[in-house]
Amino acid sequence: MVVVMAPNATDEDIAAVVARVEEVGGEAFVSRGLVRTIIGLVGDIESFHHLNLRILRGVADVRRISDPYKLVSRQHHPDRSTVWVGEGDRAVPIGPETFTFIAGPCAVESHEQTYEAAVMARGAGATLLRGGAFKPRTSPYAFQGLGLAGLEILADVRATTGLPIVTEVVDARDVPVVAEHADMLQVGTRNMANFGLLQAVGEAGKPVLLKRGMTATVEEWLMAAEYIAQRGNLDVVLCERGIRTFEPSTRNTLDISAVPVVQATSHLPIIVDPSHAAGRKDLVVPLSRAAIAVGADGLIVDVHPRPETALCDGPQALVDSDLRELAQVVRRMPAVVGRKLATAATRVR
């Protein structure tokens, strides 16, 4: 962090800034120029924020020159990371060299429905299966998921299809049981700022899929990832799933620019969820094309064998012709941007 002094700042003004910084254990290095003086600060950034240096006499500006998220930043980890999901030969990569397709039902409703959706997903080229056993819903009267029974269904379908599981955890108390059944733990948009949950999944020893909060800035999103990393887990994949804006024609507004912004700032992989961004199945394929073109490391989409009877997010679930069209996109477009479709066979340590 640096403090830029005004051109008319006096020696007493400069000394006051230095003294204030040293009071909280920081160091201040004064660099005097021809027009103005710059004071470089070394120490705890959060402590400096509480000093309110901008209100001191003679201070023109205060600027942060390093990222507040140290573990997930490219400043300290310049090479982009690959996260592996699954065990042994089934492990699937998510990272800069490949393109990973994740698909499945938004919610686990029954064994039959989940298995049929998994077969559809695998047939379309998906190598990871998404499915919600716990569903945080806006309405307390909406379907909340099957809980443990849903986890057991997912584990059984994984054994049958060979697809590793990505599923959401909504409560820190449920992390151990979800981690016992799942290959990747998902933190949803409503829980991005649930810091106790972030710390719990950071300690669980499983890869984490962290969705962006619907009103979160990129920095807030990366700071949430830092909570997970700070507990010793750097196997974090970010998911852009749209943000809430004034536009009512879609469920959310997909911030496609977040993909290159995050990749320039953080070494973590980033994928896109066009299903929850749009809330409409007719927009999923166009948004998927955009995600691949902009450089996303993967997609996660909803599929359902009978969307008209779905207990959760039926209007955005793909089936039949829409899914076949997306399958063609996933098989052909990644190669155009220099990527190969991720499978368990692409595992190279």
Protein backbone atom coordinates (compact mmCIF):
# COMPACT_ATOMS: atom_id res chain seq x y z
CA MET A 1 0.00 0.00 0.00
CA VAL A 2 1.26 3.51 -0.75
CA VAL A 3 0.24 6.92 0.56
CA VAL A 4 0.48 9.75 -1.97
CA MET A 5 1.02 13.09 -0.27
CA ALA A 6 -0.31 16.35 -1.67
CA PRO A 7 2.23 18.75 -3.30
CA ASN A 8 1.83 21.19 -0.38
CA ALA A 9 2.25 18.54 2.34
CA THR A 10 4.65 19.61 5.10
CA ASP A 11 7.31 17.60 6.89
CA GLU A 12 4.97 17.49 9.88
CA ASP A 13 2.21 15.99 7.71
CA ILE A 14 4.58 13.30 6.46
CA ALA A 15 5.83 12.54 9.97
CA ALA A 16 2.23 12.18 11.21
CA VAL A 17 1.51 9.51 8.58
CA VAL A 18 4.71 7.62 9.44
CA ALA A 19 3.90 7.73 13.15
CA ARG A 20 0.35 6.51 12.60
CA VAL A 21 1.59 3.51 10.58
CA GLU A 22 4.25 2.61 13.11
CA GLU A 23 1.63 2.65 15.90
CA VAL A 24 0.07 -0.53 14.46
CA GLY A 25 3.39 -2.28 13.86
CA GLY A 26 3.84 -1.28 10.22
CA GLU A 27 6.83 0.21 8.45
CA ALA A 28 6.76 3.40 6.37
CA PHE A 29 9.34 4.21 3.70
CA VAL A 30 9.37 7.83 2.56
CA SER A 31 10.32 8.66 -1.05
CA ARG A 32 10.54 12.38 -1.80
CA GLY A 33 10.06 13.48 -5.42
CA LEU A 34 10.28 16.85 -7.13
CA VAL A 35 6.51 17.43 -6.97
CA ARG A 36 5.16 15.16 -4.25
CA THR A 37 6.14 12.56 -1.66
CA ILE A 38 5.21 8.86 -1.73
CA ILE A 39 5.15 6.76 1.46
CA GLY A 40 5.33 3.00 0.98
CA LEU A 41 3.69 0.89 3.70
CA VAL A 42 4.75 -2.63 4.70
CA GLY A 43 2.68 -4.67 7.15
CA ASP A 44 -0.89 -5.81 7.80
CA ILE A 45 -3.09 -4.25 5.10
CA GLU A 46 -6.25 -4.60 7.19
CA SER A 47 -4.65 -2.67 10.05
CA PHE A 48 -3.76 0.12 7.64
CA HIS A 49 -7.37 0.32 6.43
CA HIS A 50 -8.56 1.04 9.97
CA LEU A 51 -6.16 3.97 10.29
CA ASN A 52 -8.26 6.15 7.95
CA LEU A 53 -5.10 7.63 6.47
CA ARG A 54 -7.05 9.48 3.80
CA ILE A 55 -8.40 11.95 6.35
CA LEU A 56 -4.97 12.99 7.62
CA ARG A 57 -3.77 16.44 6.67
CA GLY A 58 -1.61 16.51 3.54
CA VAL A 59 -2.73 13.09 2.22
CA ALA A 60 -3.90 13.16 -1.41
CA ASP A 61 -4.58 9.44 -1.98
CA VAL A 62 -4.07 5.94 -0.55
CA ARG A 63 -3.61 3.07 -2.99
CA ARG A 64 -3.27 -0.68 -2.57
CA ILE A 65 -0.66 -2.16 -4.89
CA SER A 66 -0.92 -5.86 -3.94
CA ASP A 67 -3.88 -8.23 -3.95
CA PRO A 68 -5.61 -8.79 -0.59
CA TYR A 69 -6.00 -12.49 -1.48
CA LYS A 70 -2.49 -13.91 -1.23
CA LEU A 71 -3.01 -17.65 -1.70
CA VAL A 72 -5.27 -17.54 -4.76
CA SER A 73 -3.53 -14.63 -6.48
CA ARG A 74 -1.22 -14.97 -9.48
CA GLN A 75 1.14 -12.48 -7.85
CA HIS A 76 2.48 -15.34 -5.72
CA HIS A 77 1.48 -18.25 -7.99
CA PRO A 78 2.01 -17.10 -11.60
CA ASP A 79 1.18 -20.43 -13.29
CA ARG A 80 -2.52 -21.31 -13.53
CA SER A 81 -3.57 -24.38 -11.56
CA THR A 82 -5.27 -27.63 -12.50
CA VAL A 83 -7.67 -29.24 -10.03
CA TRP A 84 -8.27 -33.01 -10.21
CA VAL A 85 -11.69 -34.36 -9.26
CA GLY A 86 -12.24 -38.03 -8.47
CA GLU A 87 -10.12 -40.92 -7.30
CA GLY A 88 -7.39 -42.82 -9.13
CA ASP A 89 -7.98 -43.46 -12.82
CA ARG A 90 -11.40 -41.79 -12.63
CA ALA A 91 -9.93 -38.40 -11.75
CA VAL A 92 -10.84 -35.63 -14.19
CA PRO A 93 -8.84 -32.38 -14.60
CA ILE A 94 -10.21 -28.84 -14.54
CA GLY A 95 -7.60 -26.36 -15.67
CA PRO A 96 -5.94 -24.35 -18.43
CA GLU A 97 -4.95 -27.19 -20.78
CA THR A 98 -8.36 -28.86 -21.02
CA PHE A 99 -12.08 -28.13 -21.20
CA THR A 100 -14.26 -29.93 -18.65
CA PHE A 101 -17.96 -30.58 -19.17
CA ILE A 102 -20.09 -31.12 -16.04
CA ALA A 103 -23.78 -31.98 -16.37
CA GLY A 104 -26.64 -33.54 -14.45
CA PRO A 105 -29.90 -32.76 -12.71
CA CYS A 106 -30.18 -29.61 -10.61
CA ALA A 107 -31.77 -31.73 -7.86
CA VAL A 108 -31.73 -35.43 -7.10
CA GLU A 109 -35.39 -36.46 -7.08
CA SER A 110 -35.20 -40.25 -7.41
CA HIS A 111 -32.75 -42.98 -8.36
CA GLU A 112 -34.41 -43.44 -11.77
CA GLN A 113 -34.36 -39.72 -12.61
CA THR A 114 -30.74 -39.29 -11.49
CA TYR A 115 -29.52 -42.35 -13.40
CA GLU A 116 -31.33 -41.30 -16.58
CA ALA A 117 -29.89 -37.78 -16.31
CA ALA A 118 -26.39 -39.20 -15.74
CA VAL A 119 -26.67 -41.36 -18.86
CA MET A 120 -27.82 -38.30 -20.83
CA ALA A 121 -24.92 -36.26 -19.45
CA ARG A 122 -22.33 -38.92 -20.22
CA GLY A 123 -23.72 -39.36 -23.73
CA ALA A 124 -23.32 -35.63 -24.33
CA GLY A 125 -19.65 -35.76 -23.33
CA ALA A 126 -19.81 -34.90 -19.63
CA THR A 127 -17.07 -36.40 -17.46
CA LEU A 128 -18.39 -35.13 -14.11
CA LEU A 129 -21.93 -35.52 -12.75
CA ARG A 130 -23.63 -32.63 -10.92
CA GLY A 131 -26.67 -33.20 -8.75
CA GLY A 132 -28.07 -31.55 -5.65
CA ALA A 133 -28.94 -33.64 -2.59
CA PHE A 134 -29.28 -30.50 -0.45
CA LYS A 135 -31.06 -27.58 -2.14
CA PRO A 136 -31.10 -24.08 -0.62
CA ARG A 137 -34.26 -22.46 -1.97
CA THR A 138 -35.65 -18.96 -1.77
CA SER A 139 -38.98 -20.30 -0.50
CA PRO A 140 -39.01 -22.50 2.63
CA TYR A 141 -41.94 -24.40 1.03
CA ALA A 142 -39.99 -25.38 -2.11
CA PHE A 143 -38.30 -28.78 -2.55
CA GLN A 144 -35.19 -28.79 -0.34
CA GLY A 145 -33.62 -32.00 -1.64
CA LEU A 146 -33.48 -35.58 -0.39
CA GLY A 147 -30.50 -35.05 1.90
CA LEU A 148 -28.61 -38.20 2.85
CA ALA A 149 -30.85 -40.35 0.64
CA GLY A 150 -29.87 -38.12 -2.29
CA LEU A 151 -26.17 -38.56 -1.52
CA GLU A 152 -26.61 -42.33 -1.49
CA ILE A 153 -28.38 -42.18 -4.86
CA LEU A 154 -25.52 -40.12 -6.31
CA ALA A 155 -22.92 -42.55 -4.98
CA ASP A 156 -24.81 -45.49 -6.49
CA VAL A 157 -25.11 -43.74 -9.86
CA ARG A 158 -21.39 -42.96 -9.76
CA ALA A 159 -20.64 -46.65 -9.24
CA THR A 160 -22.80 -47.49 -12.26
CA THR A 161 -21.71 -44.77 -14.68
CA GLY A 162 -18.16 -44.05 -13.53
CA LEU A 163 -18.82 -40.30 -13.31
CA PRO A 164 -17.32 -38.50 -10.28
CA ILE A 165 -19.87 -36.44 -8.31
CA VAL A 166 -20.13 -32.68 -7.77
CA THR A 167 -22.78 -31.83 -5.16
CA GLU A 168 -23.67 -28.87 -2.97
CA VAL A 169 -23.25 -28.58 0.77
CA VAL A 170 -25.29 -25.88 2.51
CA ASP A 171 -24.40 -26.28 6.19
CA ALA A 172 -21.00 -26.62 7.86
CA ARG A 173 -22.43 -29.42 10.01
CA ASP A 174 -23.14 -31.48 6.86
CA VAL A 175 -19.64 -31.18 5.39
CA PRO A 176 -18.31 -34.53 6.76
CA VAL A 177 -21.21 -36.61 5.42
CA VAL A 178 -21.24 -34.84 2.05
CA ALA A 179 -17.45 -35.22 1.73
CA GLU A 180 -17.84 -38.93 2.49
CA HIS A 181 -20.08 -39.39 -0.56
CA ALA A 182 -18.95 -36.68 -3.03
CA ASP A 183 -15.83 -36.13 -5.11
CA MET A 184 -16.22 -32.34 -5.17
CA LEU A 185 -18.06 -30.06 -2.75
CA GLN A 186 -20.06 -27.19 -4.20
CA VAL A 187 -20.66 -23.93 -2.34
CA GLY A 188 -23.62 -22.19 -3.94
CA THR A 189 -24.21 -18.54 -4.66
CA ARG A 190 -26.28 -17.99 -1.51
CA ASN A 191 -23.44 -19.34 0.65
CA MET A 192 -20.47 -17.63 -0.99
CA ALA A 193 -20.19 -15.35 2.07
CA ASN A 194 -20.95 -18.08 4.62
CA PHE A 195 -17.46 -17.93 6.10
CA GLY A 196 -17.96 -20.79 8.54
CA LEU A 197 -18.99 -23.06 5.66
CA LEU A 198 -16.04 -21.90 3.55
CA GLN A 199 -13.64 -22.77 6.35
CA ALA A 200 -15.30 -26.15 6.87
CA VAL A 201 -15.02 -27.18 3.21
CA GLY A 202 -11.43 -25.91 3.25
CA GLU A 203 -10.67 -28.49 5.92
CA ALA A 204 -12.61 -31.35 4.29
CA GLY A 205 -9.83 -32.57 2.00
CA LYS A 206 -11.97 -32.53 -1.16
CA PRO A 207 -11.91 -30.17 -4.20
CA VAL A 208 -14.37 -27.28 -3.91
CA LEU A 209 -16.53 -25.64 -6.58
CA LEU A 210 -17.19 -22.06 -5.41
CA LYS A 211 -20.02 -20.24 -7.16
CA ARG A 212 -20.01 -16.47 -7.36
CA GLY A 213 -22.53 -14.69 -5.16
CA MET A 214 -25.30 -13.13 -7.21
CA THR A 215 -24.35 -9.64 -5.93
CA ALA A 216 -20.63 -10.24 -5.37
CA THR A 217 -17.75 -8.38 -6.97
CA VAL A 218 -14.85 -10.38 -8.38
CA GLU A 219 -12.70 -9.32 -5.44
CA GLU A 220 -15.31 -10.48 -2.91
CA TRP A 221 -15.54 -13.79 -4.76
CA LEU A 222 -11.77 -14.28 -4.67
CA MET A 223 -11.67 -13.35 -1.00
CA ALA A 224 -14.23 -16.12 -0.39
CA ALA A 225 -11.87 -18.51 -2.19
CA GLU A 226 -9.09 -17.25 0.08
CA TYR A 227 -11.07 -18.46 3.11
CA ILE A 228 -10.97 -21.98 1.66
CA ALA A 229 -7.31 -21.77 0.65
CA GLN A 230 -6.34 -20.36 4.05
CA ARG A 231 -7.47 -23.65 5.60
CA GLY A 232 -4.98 -25.55 3.46
CA ASN A 233 -7.10 -26.38 0.42
CA LEU A 234 -5.98 -24.88 -2.88
CA ASP A 235 -8.11 -27.29 -4.94
CA VAL A 236 -10.72 -24.62 -5.62
CA VAL A 237 -12.60 -24.11 -8.90
CA LEU A 238 -14.51 -20.86 -9.38
CA CYS A 239 -17.90 -20.83 -11.11
CA GLU A 240 -19.41 -17.77 -12.79
CA ARG A 241 -23.18 -18.25 -12.68
CA GLY A 242 -24.53 -14.81 -13.44
CA ILE A 243 -25.11 -11.76 -11.27
CA ARG A 244 -28.30 -9.94 -10.36
CA THR A 245 -28.89 -6.79 -12.42
CA PHE A 246 -31.86 -4.64 -13.44
CA GLU A 247 -32.47 -6.75 -16.58
CA PRO A 248 -35.60 -8.95 -16.15
CA SER A 249 -35.45 -10.89 -19.45
CA THR A 250 -33.09 -13.49 -17.95
CA ARG A 251 -32.88 -15.00 -14.49
CA ASN A 252 -29.45 -13.39 -13.98
CA THR A 253 -26.95 -11.60 -16.20
CA LEU A 254 -23.99 -13.78 -17.19
CA ASP A 255 -20.83 -11.76 -16.57
CA ILE A 256 -18.77 -13.33 -19.34
CA SER A 257 -15.98 -10.79 -18.78
CA ALA A 258 -15.41 -12.30 -15.33
CA VAL A 259 -13.63 -15.25 -16.96
CA PRO A 260 -10.61 -13.37 -18.38
CA VAL A 261 -10.64 -10.95 -15.42
CA VAL A 262 -10.31 -13.84 -12.97
CA GLN A 263 -7.73 -15.64 -15.09
CA ALA A 264 -5.56 -12.51 -15.16
CA THR A 265 -5.81 -12.16 -11.38
CA SER A 266 -6.02 -15.67 -9.92
CA HIS A 267 -4.39 -19.01 -10.69
CA LEU A 268 -7.59 -20.91 -9.87
CA PRO A 269 -9.60 -22.57 -12.69
CA ILE A 270 -12.90 -20.92 -13.62
CA ILE A 271 -15.94 -22.52 -15.24
CA VAL A 272 -19.31 -21.11 -16.33
CA ASP A 273 -22.87 -22.11 -15.41
CA PRO A 274 -25.12 -20.90 -18.27
CA SER A 275 -28.17 -22.74 -16.89
CA HIS A 276 -28.49 -20.69 -13.71
CA ALA A 277 -27.37 -17.52 -15.44
CA ALA A 278 -30.15 -17.66 -18.02
CA GLY A 279 -32.88 -19.66 -16.32
CA ARG A 280 -34.03 -20.56 -19.86
CA LYS A 281 -32.93 -23.60 -21.82
CA ASP A 282 -32.99 -21.75 -25.16
CA LEU A 283 -30.10 -19.55 -23.98
CA VAL A 284 -27.89 -22.30 -22.57
CA VAL A 285 -26.23 -23.29 -25.86
CA PRO A 286 -25.47 -19.69 -27.03
CA LEU A 287 -24.03 -18.81 -23.62
CA SER A 288 -22.00 -22.03 -23.65
CA ARG A 289 -20.45 -21.03 -26.96
CA ALA A 290 -19.54 -17.66 -25.47
CA ALA A 291 -18.00 -19.30 -22.40
CA ILE A 292 -15.79 -21.57 -24.50
CA ALA A 293 -14.77 -18.72 -26.80
CA VAL A 294 -13.79 -16.44 -23.92
CA GLY A 295 -11.53 -19.11 -22.42
CA ALA A 296 -13.52 -20.76 -19.61
CA ASP A 297 -12.01 -23.95 -18.23
CA GLY A 298 -15.35 -25.74 -18.33
CA LEU A 299 -19.15 -25.71 -18.22
CA ILE A 300 -21.71 -26.95 -15.73
CA VAL A 301 -25.27 -27.36 -17.04
CA ASP A 302 -28.60 -28.82 -15.96
CA VAL A 303 -30.08 -31.85 -17.72
CA HIS A 304 -33.26 -33.70 -16.81
CA PRO A 305 -35.05 -36.62 -18.50
CA ARG A 306 -38.46 -34.97 -17.94
CA PRO A 307 -38.08 -31.22 -17.34
CA GLU A 308 -41.83 -30.70 -17.26
CA THR A 309 -42.02 -32.69 -14.01
CA ALA A 310 -38.79 -31.38 -12.44
CA LEU A 311 -39.03 -30.34 -8.79
CA CYS A 312 -36.34 -27.69 -9.30
CA ASP A 313 -35.36 -25.45 -12.25
CA GLY A 314 -37.18 -27.41 -14.97
CA PRO A 315 -37.31 -24.47 -17.45
CA GLN A 316 -33.52 -24.37 -17.76
CA ALA A 317 -32.87 -28.13 -17.98
CA LEU A 318 -31.69 -29.51 -21.32
CA VAL A 319 -33.14 -32.56 -23.02
CA ASP A 320 -33.27 -34.12 -26.50
CA SER A 321 -32.39 -31.67 -29.30
CA ASP A 322 -30.96 -28.97 -27.03
CA LEU A 323 -28.64 -31.43 -25.37
CA ARG A 324 -27.54 -32.89 -28.71
CA GLU A 325 -26.73 -29.38 -29.95
CA LEU A 326 -24.70 -28.64 -26.83
CA ALA A 327 -22.88 -31.95 -27.20
CA GLN A 328 -21.73 -30.89 -30.67
CA VAL A 329 -20.52 -27.56 -29.28
CA VAL A 330 -18.59 -29.25 -26.47
CA ARG A 331 -16.97 -31.75 -28.83
CA ARG A 332 -15.90 -29.22 -31.47
CA MET A 333 -15.37 -25.75 -30.01
CA PRO A 334 -12.67 -26.37 -27.36
CA ALA A 335 -10.22 -27.44 -30.07
CA VAL A 336 -10.72 -24.09 -31.81
CA VAL A 337 -9.34 -22.29 -28.75
CA GLY A 338 -6.53 -24.80 -28.24
CA ARG A 339 -8.10 -27.09 -25.66
CA LYS A 340 -8.86 -30.79 -25.52
CA LEU A 341 -11.97 -32.22 -23.89
CA ALA A 342 -11.09 -33.40 -20.40
CA THR A 343 -11.56 -37.08 -19.58
CA ALA A 344 -10.13 -39.37 -16.96
CA ALA A 345 -7.72 -40.56 -19.68
CA THR A 346 -6.16 -37.07 -19.88
CA ARG A 347 -4.72 -37.47 -16.38
CA VAL A 348 -0.98 -36.77 -16.57
CA ARG A 349 0.80 -35.94 -13.31
